[in-house]
């Protein structure tokens, strides 16, 4: 990419670990802005998850962010978890698989 040649490379990261190197998201944004990358589709982030609200990736027009959902949900599993959580709720116990609002997930 760059110059008169449009970038054709799209970065897709769905794996754990730091694949961006020492420059992190700043290097990805620089590559997008310079035309070296056409787009970035990002599912996981390093060194911290969830992606901080202050990250420039949230609003970059050439970035697509997706929620990290690594497994399918089957109705029988959802029903089993719901029934177990209903029992916990009735007993006044903490629910399983709760959302931690302070952590963002």
PDB file of N, CA and C in Angstrom:
ATOM      1  N   UNK A   1       0.807  -1.189   0.000  1.00  0.00           N
ATOM      2  CA  UNK A   1       0.000   0.000   0.000  1.00  0.00           C
ATOM      3  C   UNK A   1       0.842   1.240   0.000  1.00  0.00           C
ATOM      4  N   UNK A   2       0.219   2.370  -0.022  1.00  0.00           N
ATOM      5  CA  UNK A   2       0.907   3.647  -0.032  1.00  0.00           C
ATOM      6  C   UNK A   2       1.053   4.170  -1.442  1.00  0.00           C
ATOM      7  N   UNK A   3       1.376   5.416  -1.603  1.00  0.00           N
ATOM      8  CA  UNK A   3       1.541   5.990  -2.929  1.00  0.00           C
ATOM      9  C   UNK A   3       0.273   5.872  -3.727  1.00  0.00           C
ATOM     10  N   UNK A   4       0.409   5.516  -5.000  1.00  0.00           N
ATOM     11  CA  UNK A   4      -0.753   5.348  -5.870  1.00  0.00           C
ATOM     12  C   UNK A   4      -1.364   3.960  -5.774  1.00  0.00           C
ATOM     13  N   UNK A   5      -0.701   3.053  -5.073  1.00  0.00           N
ATOM     14  CA  UNK A   5      -1.197   1.692  -4.932  1.00  0.00           C
ATOM     15  C   UNK A   5      -2.086   1.593  -3.698  1.00  0.00           C
ATOM     16  N   UNK A   6      -3.375   1.328  -3.889  1.00  0.00           N
ATOM     17  CA  UNK A   6      -4.244   1.211  -2.712  1.00  0.00           C
ATOM     18  C   UNK A   6      -3.893  -0.033  -1.903  1.00  0.00           C
ATOM     19  N   UNK A   7      -3.970   0.082  -0.604  1.00  0.00           N
ATOM     20  CA  UNK A   7      -3.704  -1.059   0.262  1.00  0.00           C
ATOM     21  C   UNK A   7      -4.762  -2.125   0.032  1.00  0.00           C
ATOM     22  N   UNK A   8      -4.327  -3.356  -0.021  1.00  0.00           N
ATOM     23  CA  UNK A   8      -5.266  -4.467  -0.166  1.00  0.00           C
ATOM     24  C   UNK A   8      -5.258  -5.356   1.070  1.00  0.00           C
ATOM     25  N   UNK A   9      -4.346  -5.107   1.978  1.00  0.00           N
ATOM     26  CA  UNK A   9      -4.195  -5.946   3.154  1.00  0.00           C
ATOM     27  C   UNK A   9      -5.175  -5.543   4.248  1.00  0.00           C
ATOM     28  N   UNK A  10      -5.859  -6.549   4.773  1.00  0.00           N
ATOM     29  CA  UNK A  10      -6.756  -6.358   5.904  1.00  0.00           C
ATOM     30  C   UNK A  10      -6.200  -7.177   7.067  1.00  0.00           C
ATOM     31  N   UNK A  11      -5.991  -6.534   8.191  1.00  0.00           N
ATOM     32  CA  UNK A  11      -5.518  -7.219   9.386  1.00  0.00           C
ATOM     33  C   UNK A  11      -6.728  -7.745  10.140  1.00  0.00           C
ATOM     34  N   UNK A  12      -6.746  -9.061  10.384  1.00  0.00           N
ATOM     35  CA  UNK A  12      -7.809  -9.685  11.170  1.00  0.00           C
ATOM     36  C   UNK A  12      -7.139 -10.392  12.335  1.00  0.00           C
ATOM     37  N   UNK A  13      -7.483  -9.993  13.551  1.00  0.00           N
ATOM     38  CA  UNK A  13      -6.902 -10.618  14.731  1.00  0.00           C
ATOM     39  C   UNK A  13      -8.017 -11.146  15.631  1.00  0.00           C
ATOM     40  N   UNK A  14      -8.086 -12.474  15.741  1.00  0.00           N
ATOM     41  CA  UNK A  14      -9.052 -13.107  16.637  1.00  0.00           C
ATOM     42  C   UNK A  14      -8.338 -13.944  17.693  1.00  0.00           C
ATOM     43  N   UNK A  15      -7.011 -13.888  17.703  1.00  0.00           N
ATOM     44  CA  UNK A  15      -6.226 -14.702  18.624  1.00  0.00           C
ATOM     45  C   UNK A  15      -5.711 -13.922  19.807  1.00  0.00           C
ATOM     46  N   UNK A  16      -5.488 -14.620  20.885  1.00  0.00           N
ATOM     47  CA  UNK A  16      -4.919 -14.002  22.087  1.00  0.00           C
ATOM     48  C   UNK A  16      -3.448 -13.675  21.840  1.00  0.00           C
ATOM     49  N   UNK A  17      -2.961 -12.738  22.598  1.00  0.00           N
ATOM     50  CA  UNK A  17      -1.550 -12.402  22.530  1.00  0.00           C
ATOM     51  C   UNK A  17      -1.315 -11.116  21.773  1.00  0.00           C
ATOM     52  N   UNK A  18      -0.159 -10.560  21.985  1.00  0.00           N
ATOM     53  CA  UNK A  18       0.201  -9.282  21.386  1.00  0.00           C
ATOM     54  C   UNK A  18       0.809  -9.529  20.008  1.00  0.00           C
ATOM     55  N   UNK A  19       0.049  -9.295  18.972  1.00  0.00           N
ATOM     56  CA  UNK A  19       0.554  -9.468  17.612  1.00  0.00           C
ATOM     57  C   UNK A  19       0.998  -8.148  17.001  1.00  0.00           C
ATOM     58  N   UNK A  20       0.843  -7.053  17.733  1.00  0.00           N
ATOM     59  CA  UNK A  20       1.157  -5.738  17.190  1.00  0.00           C
ATOM     60  C   UNK A  20       2.569  -5.284  17.503  1.00  0.00           C
ATOM     61  N   UNK A  21       3.257  -5.942  18.402  1.00  0.00           N
ATOM     62  CA  UNK A  21       4.610  -5.536  18.751  1.00  0.00           C
ATOM     63  C   UNK A  21       4.621  -4.399  19.754  1.00  0.00           C
ATOM     64  N   UNK A  22       5.800  -3.792  19.889  1.00  0.00           N
ATOM     65  CA  UNK A  22       5.996  -2.765  20.917  1.00  0.00           C
ATOM     66  C   UNK A  22       5.127  -1.532  20.709  1.00  0.00           C
ATOM     67  N   UNK A  23       4.785  -1.209  19.459  1.00  0.00           N
ATOM     68  CA  UNK A  23       3.996  -0.012  19.182  1.00  0.00           C
ATOM     69  C   UNK A  23       2.523  -0.171  19.456  1.00  0.00           C
ATOM     70  N   UNK A  24       2.080  -1.418  19.620  1.00  0.00           N
ATOM     71  CA  UNK A  24       0.688  -1.684  19.950  1.00  0.00           C
ATOM     72  C   UNK A  24      -0.290  -1.075  18.967  1.00  0.00           C
ATOM     73  N   UNK A  25      -1.403  -0.602  19.489  1.00  0.00           N
ATOM     74  CA  UNK A  25      -2.464  -0.079  18.626  1.00  0.00           C
ATOM     75  C   UNK A  25      -2.019   1.167  17.872  1.00  0.00           C
ATOM     76  N   UNK A  26      -1.042   1.906  18.399  1.00  0.00           N
ATOM     77  CA  UNK A  26      -0.559   3.087  17.679  1.00  0.00           C
ATOM     78  C   UNK A  26       0.033   2.703  16.325  1.00  0.00           C
ATOM     79  N   UNK A  27       0.734   1.547  16.273  1.00  0.00           N
ATOM     80  CA  UNK A  27       1.303   1.095  15.005  1.00  0.00           C
ATOM     81  C   UNK A  27       0.213   0.687  14.017  1.00  0.00           C
ATOM     82  N   UNK A  28      -0.836   0.054  14.520  1.00  0.00           N
ATOM     83  CA  UNK A  28      -1.953  -0.340  13.654  1.00  0.00           C
ATOM     84  C   UNK A  28      -2.630   0.904  13.087  1.00  0.00           C
ATOM     85  N   UNK A  29      -2.892   1.882  13.929  1.00  0.00           N
ATOM     86  CA  UNK A  29      -3.519   3.127  13.474  1.00  0.00           C
ATOM     87  C   UNK A  29      -2.630   3.842  12.476  1.00  0.00           C
ATOM     88  N   UNK A  30      -1.328   3.880  12.738  1.00  0.00           N
ATOM     89  CA  UNK A  30      -0.403   4.528  11.802  1.00  0.00           C
ATOM     90  C   UNK A  30      -0.408   3.824  10.449  1.00  0.00           C
ATOM     91  N   UNK A  31      -0.436   2.500  10.450  1.00  0.00           N
ATOM     92  CA  UNK A  31      -0.462   1.746   9.190  1.00  0.00           C
ATOM     93  C   UNK A  31      -1.764   1.987   8.434  1.00  0.00           C
ATOM     94  N   UNK A  32      -2.872   2.096   9.153  1.00  0.00           N
ATOM     95  CA  UNK A  32      -4.156   2.398   8.508  1.00  0.00           C
ATOM     96  C   UNK A  32      -4.145   3.809   7.920  1.00  0.00           C
ATOM     97  N   UNK A  33      -3.671   4.758   8.700  1.00  0.00           N
ATOM     98  CA  UNK A  33      -3.662   6.155   8.258  1.00  0.00           C
ATOM     99  C   UNK A  33      -2.707   6.384   7.090  1.00  0.00           C
ATOM    100  N   UNK A  34      -1.613   5.615   7.052  1.00  0.00           N
ATOM    101  CA  UNK A  34      -0.629   5.761   5.974  1.00  0.00           C
ATOM    102  C   UNK A  34      -1.032   4.991   4.717  1.00  0.00           C
ATOM    103  N   UNK A  35      -2.084   4.174   4.820  1.00  0.00           N
ATOM    104  CA  UNK A  35      -2.528   3.407   3.661  1.00  0.00           C
ATOM    105  C   UNK A  35      -1.843   2.068   3.497  1.00  0.00           C
ATOM    106  N   UNK A  36      -1.067   1.643   4.493  1.00  0.00           N
ATOM    107  CA  UNK A  36      -0.408   0.336   4.409  1.00  0.00           C
ATOM    108  C   UNK A  36      -1.383  -0.797   4.687  1.00  0.00           C
ATOM    109  N   UNK A  37      -2.410  -0.505   5.457  1.00  0.00           N
ATOM    110  CA  UNK A  37      -3.502  -1.440   5.711  1.00  0.00           C
ATOM    111  C   UNK A  37      -4.791  -0.812   5.229  1.00  0.00           C
ATOM    112  N   UNK A  38      -5.637  -1.625   4.616  1.00  0.00           N
ATOM    113  CA  UNK A  38      -6.932  -1.111   4.163  1.00  0.00           C
ATOM    114  C   UNK A  38      -7.931  -1.068   5.312  1.00  0.00           C
ATOM    115  N   UNK A  39      -7.878  -2.079   6.194  1.00  0.00           N
ATOM    116  CA  UNK A  39      -8.856  -2.186   7.276  1.00  0.00           C
ATOM    117  C   UNK A  39      -8.272  -3.092   8.357  1.00  0.00           C
ATOM    118  N   UNK A  40      -8.791  -2.979   9.565  1.00  0.00           N
ATOM    119  CA  UNK A  40      -8.425  -3.880  10.656  1.00  0.00           C
ATOM    120  C   UNK A  40      -9.705  -4.366  11.320  1.00  0.00           C
ATOM    121  N   UNK A  41      -9.793  -5.680  11.487  1.00  0.00           N
ATOM    122  CA  UNK A  41     -10.916  -6.300  12.189  1.00  0.00           C
ATOM    123  C   UNK A  41     -10.314  -6.943  13.435  1.00  0.00           C
ATOM    124  N   UNK A  42     -10.716  -6.435  14.597  1.00  0.00           N
ATOM    125  CA  UNK A  42     -10.070  -6.841  15.840  1.00  0.00           C
ATOM    126  C   UNK A  42     -11.085  -7.409  16.814  1.00  0.00           C
ATOM    127  N   UNK A  43     -10.726  -8.549  17.397  1.00  0.00           N
ATOM    128  CA  UNK A  43     -11.613  -9.277  18.287  1.00  0.00           C
ATOM    129  C   UNK A  43     -11.063  -9.335  19.713  1.00  0.00           C
ATOM    130  N   UNK A  44      -9.752  -9.293  19.853  1.00  0.00           N
ATOM    131  CA  UNK A  44      -9.106  -9.349  21.164  1.00  0.00           C
ATOM    132  C   UNK A  44      -8.017  -8.288  21.210  1.00  0.00           C
ATOM    133  N   UNK A  45      -7.616  -7.927  22.420  1.00  0.00           N
ATOM    134  CA  UNK A  45      -6.700  -6.810  22.575  1.00  0.00           C
ATOM    135  C   UNK A  45      -5.652  -7.118  23.627  1.00  0.00           C
ATOM    136  N   UNK A  46      -4.481  -6.576  23.430  1.00  0.00           N
ATOM    137  CA  UNK A  46      -3.397  -6.714  24.398  1.00  0.00           C
ATOM    138  C   UNK A  46      -2.828  -5.324  24.625  1.00  0.00           C
ATOM    139  N   UNK A  47      -2.352  -4.980  25.749  1.00  0.00           N
ATOM    140  CA  UNK A  47      -2.165  -5.867  26.891  1.00  0.00           C
ATOM    141  C   UNK A  47      -3.356  -5.934  27.842  1.00  0.00           C
ATOM    142  N   UNK A  48      -4.454  -5.238  27.525  1.00  0.00           N
ATOM    143  CA  UNK A  48      -5.558  -5.201  28.473  1.00  0.00           C
ATOM    144  C   UNK A  48      -6.881  -5.436  27.747  1.00  0.00           C
ATOM    145  N   UNK A  49      -7.745  -6.199  28.381  1.00  0.00           N
ATOM    146  CA  UNK A  49      -9.107  -6.366  27.904  1.00  0.00           C
ATOM    147  C   UNK A  49     -10.043  -6.055  29.055  1.00  0.00           C
ATOM    148  N   UNK A  50     -11.168  -5.494  28.796  1.00  0.00           N
ATOM    149  CA  UNK A  50     -11.642  -5.066  27.485  1.00  0.00           C
ATOM    150  C   UNK A  50     -10.872  -3.834  26.999  1.00  0.00           C
ATOM    151  N   UNK A  51     -11.058  -3.521  25.747  1.00  0.00           N
ATOM    152  CA  UNK A  51     -10.408  -2.358  25.157  1.00  0.00           C
ATOM    153  C   UNK A  51     -10.840  -1.111  25.918  1.00  0.00           C
ATOM    154  N   UNK A  52      -9.885  -0.321  26.403  1.00  0.00           N
ATOM    155  CA  UNK A  52     -10.254   0.881  27.174  1.00  0.00           C
ATOM    156  C   UNK A  52     -11.113   1.846  26.360  1.00  0.00           C
ATOM    157  N   UNK A  53     -12.014   2.518  27.031  1.00  0.00           N
ATOM    158  CA  UNK A  53     -12.902   3.483  26.373  1.00  0.00           C
ATOM    159  C   UNK A  53     -12.120   4.607  25.709  1.00  0.00           C
ATOM    160  N   UNK A  54     -10.906   4.847  26.153  1.00  0.00           N
ATOM    161  CA  UNK A  54     -10.082   5.924  25.598  1.00  0.00           C
ATOM    162  C   UNK A  54      -9.329   5.516  24.340  1.00  0.00           C
ATOM    163  N   UNK A  55      -9.416   4.249  23.955  1.00  0.00           N
ATOM    164  CA  UNK A  55      -8.686   3.775  22.775  1.00  0.00           C
ATOM    165  C   UNK A  55      -9.180   4.462  21.509  1.00  0.00           C
ATOM    166  N   UNK A  56      -8.244   4.857  20.654  1.00  0.00           N
ATOM    167  CA  UNK A  56      -8.592   5.474  19.373  1.00  0.00           C
ATOM    168  C   UNK A  56      -9.176   4.458  18.388  1.00  0.00           C
ATOM    169  N   UNK A  57      -9.039   3.166  18.682  1.00  0.00           N
ATOM    170  CA  UNK A  57      -9.591   2.140  17.793  1.00  0.00           C
ATOM    171  C   UNK A  57     -11.112   2.206  17.735  1.00  0.00           C
ATOM    172  N   UNK A  58     -11.760   2.627  18.829  1.00  0.00           N
ATOM    173  CA  UNK A  58     -13.224   2.670  18.871  1.00  0.00           C
ATOM    174  C   UNK A  58     -13.817   3.517  17.745  1.00  0.00           C
ATOM    175  N   UNK A  59     -13.190   4.620  17.440  1.00  0.00           N
ATOM    176  CA  UNK A  59     -13.773   5.577  16.491  1.00  0.00           C
ATOM    177  C   UNK A  59     -13.076   5.624  15.141  1.00  0.00           C
ATOM    178  N   UNK A  60     -12.067   4.778  14.952  1.00  0.00           N
ATOM    179  CA  UNK A  60     -11.337   4.850  13.676  1.00  0.00           C
ATOM    180  C   UNK A  60     -12.212   4.298  12.545  1.00  0.00           C
ATOM    181  N   UNK A  61     -12.334   5.039  11.445  1.00  0.00           N
ATOM    182  CA  UNK A  61     -13.228   4.609  10.362  1.00  0.00           C
ATOM    183  C   UNK A  61     -12.780   3.347   9.633  1.00  0.00           C
ATOM    184  N   UNK A  62     -11.526   2.948   9.798  1.00  0.00           N
ATOM    185  CA  UNK A  62     -11.029   1.752   9.114  1.00  0.00           C
ATOM    186  C   UNK A  62     -10.866   0.574  10.068  1.00  0.00           C
ATOM    187  N   UNK A  63     -11.536   0.637  11.206  1.00  0.00           N
ATOM    188  CA  UNK A  63     -11.441  -0.426  12.207  1.00  0.00           C
ATOM    189  C   UNK A  63     -12.826  -0.973  12.502  1.00  0.00           C
ATOM    190  N   UNK A  64     -12.934  -2.291  12.506  1.00  0.00           N
ATOM    191  CA  UNK A  64     -14.145  -2.969  12.953  1.00  0.00           C
ATOM    192  C   UNK A  64     -13.793  -3.755  14.201  1.00  0.00           C
ATOM    193  N   UNK A  65     -14.511  -3.492  15.285  1.00  0.00           N
ATOM    194  CA  UNK A  65     -14.298  -4.198  16.539  1.00  0.00           C
ATOM    195  C   UNK A  65     -15.435  -5.182  16.741  1.00  0.00           C
ATOM    196  N   UNK A  66     -15.100  -6.389  17.147  1.00  0.00           N
ATOM    197  CA  UNK A  66     -16.119  -7.409  17.378  1.00  0.00           C
ATOM    198  C   UNK A  66     -15.990  -7.936  18.800  1.00  0.00           C
ATOM    199  N   UNK A  67     -17.104  -8.403  19.390  1.00  0.00           N
ATOM    200  CA  UNK A  67     -17.013  -8.988  20.731  1.00  0.00           C
ATOM    201  C   UNK A  67     -16.372 -10.363  20.647  1.00  0.00           C
ATOM    202  N   UNK A  68     -15.517 -10.661  21.586  1.00  0.00           N
ATOM    203  CA  UNK A  68     -14.863 -11.974  21.586  1.00  0.00           C
ATOM    204  C   UNK A  68     -15.863 -13.012  22.085  1.00  0.00           C
ATOM    205  N   UNK A  69     -16.377 -13.799  21.162  1.00  0.00           N
ATOM    206  CA  UNK A  69     -17.336 -14.850  21.475  1.00  0.00           C
ATOM    207  C   UNK A  69     -16.823 -16.107  20.807  1.00  0.00           C
ATOM    208  N   UNK A  70     -16.112 -16.915  21.562  1.00  0.00           N
ATOM    209  CA  UNK A  70     -15.400 -18.037  20.967  1.00  0.00           C
ATOM    210  C   UNK A  70     -16.194 -19.337  20.927  1.00  0.00           C
ATOM    211  N   UNK A  71     -17.434 -19.304  21.328  1.00  0.00           N
ATOM    212  CA  UNK A  71     -18.187 -20.551  21.344  1.00  0.00           C
ATOM    213  C   UNK A  71     -19.639 -20.307  20.958  1.00  0.00           C
ATOM    214  N   UNK A  72     -20.223 -21.326  20.381  1.00  0.00           N
ATOM    215  CA  UNK A  72     -21.650 -21.268  20.076  1.00  0.00           C
ATOM    216  C   UNK A  72     -22.445 -21.550  21.351  1.00  0.00           C
ATOM    217  N   UNK A  73     -23.647 -21.024  21.395  1.00  0.00           N
ATOM    218  CA  UNK A  73     -24.556 -21.330  22.503  1.00  0.00           C
ATOM    219  C   UNK A  73     -25.653 -22.237  21.981  1.00  0.00           C
ATOM    220  N   UNK A  74     -25.894 -23.314  22.699  1.00  0.00           N
ATOM    221  CA  UNK A  74     -26.934 -24.258  22.324  1.00  0.00           C
ATOM    222  C   UNK A  74     -28.093 -24.133  23.317  1.00  0.00           C
ATOM    223  N   UNK A  75     -29.320 -24.252  22.827  1.00  0.00           N
ATOM    224  CA  UNK A  75     -30.481 -24.084  23.708  1.00  0.00           C
ATOM    225  C   UNK A  75     -30.427 -24.935  24.974  1.00  0.00           C
ATOM    226  N   UNK A  76     -29.977 -26.174  24.866  1.00  0.00           N
ATOM    227  CA  UNK A  76     -29.941 -27.040  26.057  1.00  0.00           C
ATOM    228  C   UNK A  76     -28.966 -26.499  27.101  1.00  0.00           C
ATOM    229  N   UNK A  77     -27.845 -25.903  26.629  1.00  0.00           N
ATOM    230  CA  UNK A  77     -26.872 -25.336  27.564  1.00  0.00           C
ATOM    231  C   UNK A  77     -27.414 -24.075  28.219  1.00  0.00           C
ATOM    232  N   UNK A  78     -28.073 -23.242  27.429  1.00  0.00           N
ATOM    233  CA  UNK A  78     -28.653 -22.009  27.967  1.00  0.00           C
ATOM    234  C   UNK A  78     -29.708 -22.356  29.012  1.00  0.00           C
ATOM    235  N   UNK A  79     -30.553 -23.336  28.730  1.00  0.00           N
ATOM    236  CA  UNK A  79     -31.596 -23.747  29.678  1.00  0.00           C
ATOM    237  C   UNK A  79     -30.974 -24.283  30.963  1.00  0.00           C
ATOM    238  N   UNK A  80     -29.915 -25.065  30.848  1.00  0.00           N
ATOM    239  CA  UNK A  80     -29.245 -25.623  32.027  1.00  0.00           C
ATOM    240  C   UNK A  80     -28.649 -24.513  32.894  1.00  0.00           C
ATOM    241  N   UNK A  81     -27.965 -23.547  32.268  1.00  0.00           N
ATOM    242  CA  UNK A  81     -27.364 -22.431  33.014  1.00  0.00           C
ATOM    243  C   UNK A  81     -28.458 -21.578  33.651  1.00  0.00           C
ATOM    244  N   UNK A  82     -29.534 -21.327  32.904  1.00  0.00           N
ATOM    245  CA  UNK A  82     -30.638 -20.533  33.454  1.00  0.00           C
ATOM    246  C   UNK A  82     -31.238 -21.221  34.678  1.00  0.00           C
ATOM    247  N   UNK A  83     -31.498 -22.511  34.566  1.00  0.00           N
ATOM    248  CA  UNK A  83     -32.104 -23.237  35.689  1.00  0.00           C
ATOM    249  C   UNK A  83     -31.183 -23.214  36.910  1.00  0.00           C
ATOM    250  N   UNK A  84     -29.888 -23.396  36.692  1.00  0.00           N
ATOM    251  CA  UNK A  84     -28.944 -23.357  37.811  1.00  0.00           C
ATOM    252  C   UNK A  84     -28.903 -21.958  38.427  1.00  0.00           C
ATOM    253  N   UNK A  85     -28.916 -20.931  37.605  1.00  0.00           N
ATOM    254  CA  UNK A  85     -28.902 -19.567  38.134  1.00  0.00           C
ATOM    255  C   UNK A  85     -30.209 -19.222  38.842  1.00  0.00           C
ATOM    256  N   UNK A  86     -31.312 -19.743  38.368  1.00  0.00           N
ATOM    257  CA  UNK A  86     -32.588 -19.523  39.062  1.00  0.00           C
ATOM    258  C   UNK A  86     -32.517 -20.098  40.471  1.00  0.00           C
ATOM    259  N   UNK A  87     -31.939 -21.286  40.586  1.00  0.00           N
ATOM    260  CA  UNK A  87     -31.757 -21.881  41.913  1.00  0.00           C
ATOM    261  C   UNK A  87     -30.854 -21.029  42.795  1.00  0.00           C
ATOM    262  N   UNK A  88     -29.770 -20.514  42.227  1.00  0.00           N
ATOM    263  CA  UNK A  88     -28.881 -19.629  42.982  1.00  0.00           C
ATOM    264  C   UNK A  88     -29.622 -18.355  43.418  1.00  0.00           C
ATOM    265  N   UNK A  89     -30.395 -17.783  42.493  1.00  0.00           N
ATOM    266  CA  UNK A  89     -31.135 -16.555  42.798  1.00  0.00           C
ATOM    267  C   UNK A  89     -32.096 -16.777  43.951  1.00  0.00           C
ATOM    268  N   UNK A  90     -32.848 -17.874  43.894  1.00  0.00           N
ATOM    269  CA  UNK A  90     -33.829 -18.185  44.949  1.00  0.00           C
ATOM    270  C   UNK A  90     -33.155 -18.431  46.288  1.00  0.00           C
ATOM    271  N   UNK A  91     -31.912 -18.941  46.233  1.00  0.00           N
ATOM    272  CA  UNK A  91     -31.178 -19.222  47.465  1.00  0.00           C
ATOM    273  C   UNK A  91     -30.407 -18.006  47.964  1.00  0.00           C
ATOM    274  N   UNK A  92     -30.443 -16.916  47.190  1.00  0.00           N
ATOM    275  CA  UNK A  92     -29.704 -15.721  47.584  1.00  0.00           C
ATOM    276  C   UNK A  92     -28.212 -15.821  47.324  1.00  0.00           C
ATOM    277  N   UNK A  93     -27.820 -16.754  46.482  1.00  0.00           N
ATOM    278  CA  UNK A  93     -26.397 -16.963  46.169  1.00  0.00           C
ATOM    279  C   UNK A  93     -26.004 -16.155  44.930  1.00  0.00           C
ATOM    280  N   UNK A  94     -24.722 -15.879  44.761  1.00  0.00           N
ATOM    281  CA  UNK A  94     -24.282 -15.167  43.555  1.00  0.00           C
ATOM    282  C   UNK A  94     -24.575 -15.982  42.296  1.00  0.00           C
ATOM    283  N   UNK A  95     -24.939 -15.297  41.235  1.00  0.00           N
ATOM    284  CA  UNK A  95     -25.219 -15.965  39.967  1.00  0.00           C
ATOM    285  C   UNK A  95     -23.929 -16.325  39.260  1.00  0.00           C
ATOM    286  N   UNK A  96     -23.965 -17.415  38.504  1.00  0.00           N
ATOM    287  CA  UNK A  96     -22.822 -17.812  37.680  1.00  0.00           C
ATOM    288  C   UNK A  96     -22.816 -16.991  36.390  1.00  0.00           C
ATOM    289  N   UNK A  97     -21.637 -16.741  35.868  1.00  0.00           N
ATOM    290  CA  UNK A  97     -21.469 -16.076  34.565  1.00  0.00           C
ATOM    291  C   UNK A  97     -22.009 -14.647  34.563  1.00  0.00           C
ATOM    292  N   UNK A  98     -21.870 -13.957  35.664  1.00  0.00           N
ATOM    293  CA  UNK A  98     -22.355 -12.590  35.751  1.00  0.00           C
ATOM    294  C   UNK A  98     -21.456 -11.610  35.021  1.00  0.00           C
ATOM    295  N   UNK A  99     -22.002 -10.472  34.720  1.00  0.00           N
ATOM    296  CA  UNK A  99     -21.251  -9.399  34.085  1.00  0.00           C
ATOM    297  C   UNK A  99     -20.592  -8.560  35.176  1.00  0.00           C
ATOM    298  N   UNK A 100     -19.302  -8.318  35.019  1.00  0.00           N
ATOM    299  CA  UNK A 100     -18.575  -7.443  35.940  1.00  0.00           C
ATOM    300  C   UNK A 100     -18.497  -6.069  35.291  1.00  0.00           C
ATOM    301  N   UNK A 101     -19.395  -5.165  35.679  1.00  0.00           N
ATOM    302  CA  UNK A 101     -19.489  -3.863  35.034  1.00  0.00           C
ATOM    303  C   UNK A 101     -18.229  -3.045  35.189  1.00  0.00           C
ATOM    304  N   UNK A 102     -17.505  -3.230  36.279  1.00  0.00           N
ATOM    305  CA  UNK A 102     -16.261  -2.491  36.478  1.00  0.00           C
ATOM    306  C   UNK A 102     -15.170  -2.961  35.501  1.00  0.00           C
ATOM    307  N   UNK A 103     -15.180  -4.239  35.155  1.00  0.00           N
ATOM    308  CA  UNK A 103     -14.204  -4.767  34.207  1.00  0.00           C
ATOM    309  C   UNK A 103     -14.660  -4.587  32.763  1.00  0.00           C
ATOM    310  N   UNK A 104     -15.950  -4.358  32.567  1.00  0.00           N
ATOM    311  CA  UNK A 104     -16.458  -4.108  31.236  1.00  0.00           C
ATOM    312  C   UNK A 104     -16.918  -5.331  30.483  1.00  0.00           C
ATOM    313  N   UNK A 105     -17.027  -6.470  31.170  1.00  0.00           N
ATOM    314  CA  UNK A 105     -17.517  -7.689  30.515  1.00  0.00           C
ATOM    315  C   UNK A 105     -18.014  -8.676  31.526  1.00  0.00           C
TER     316      UNK A 105
END
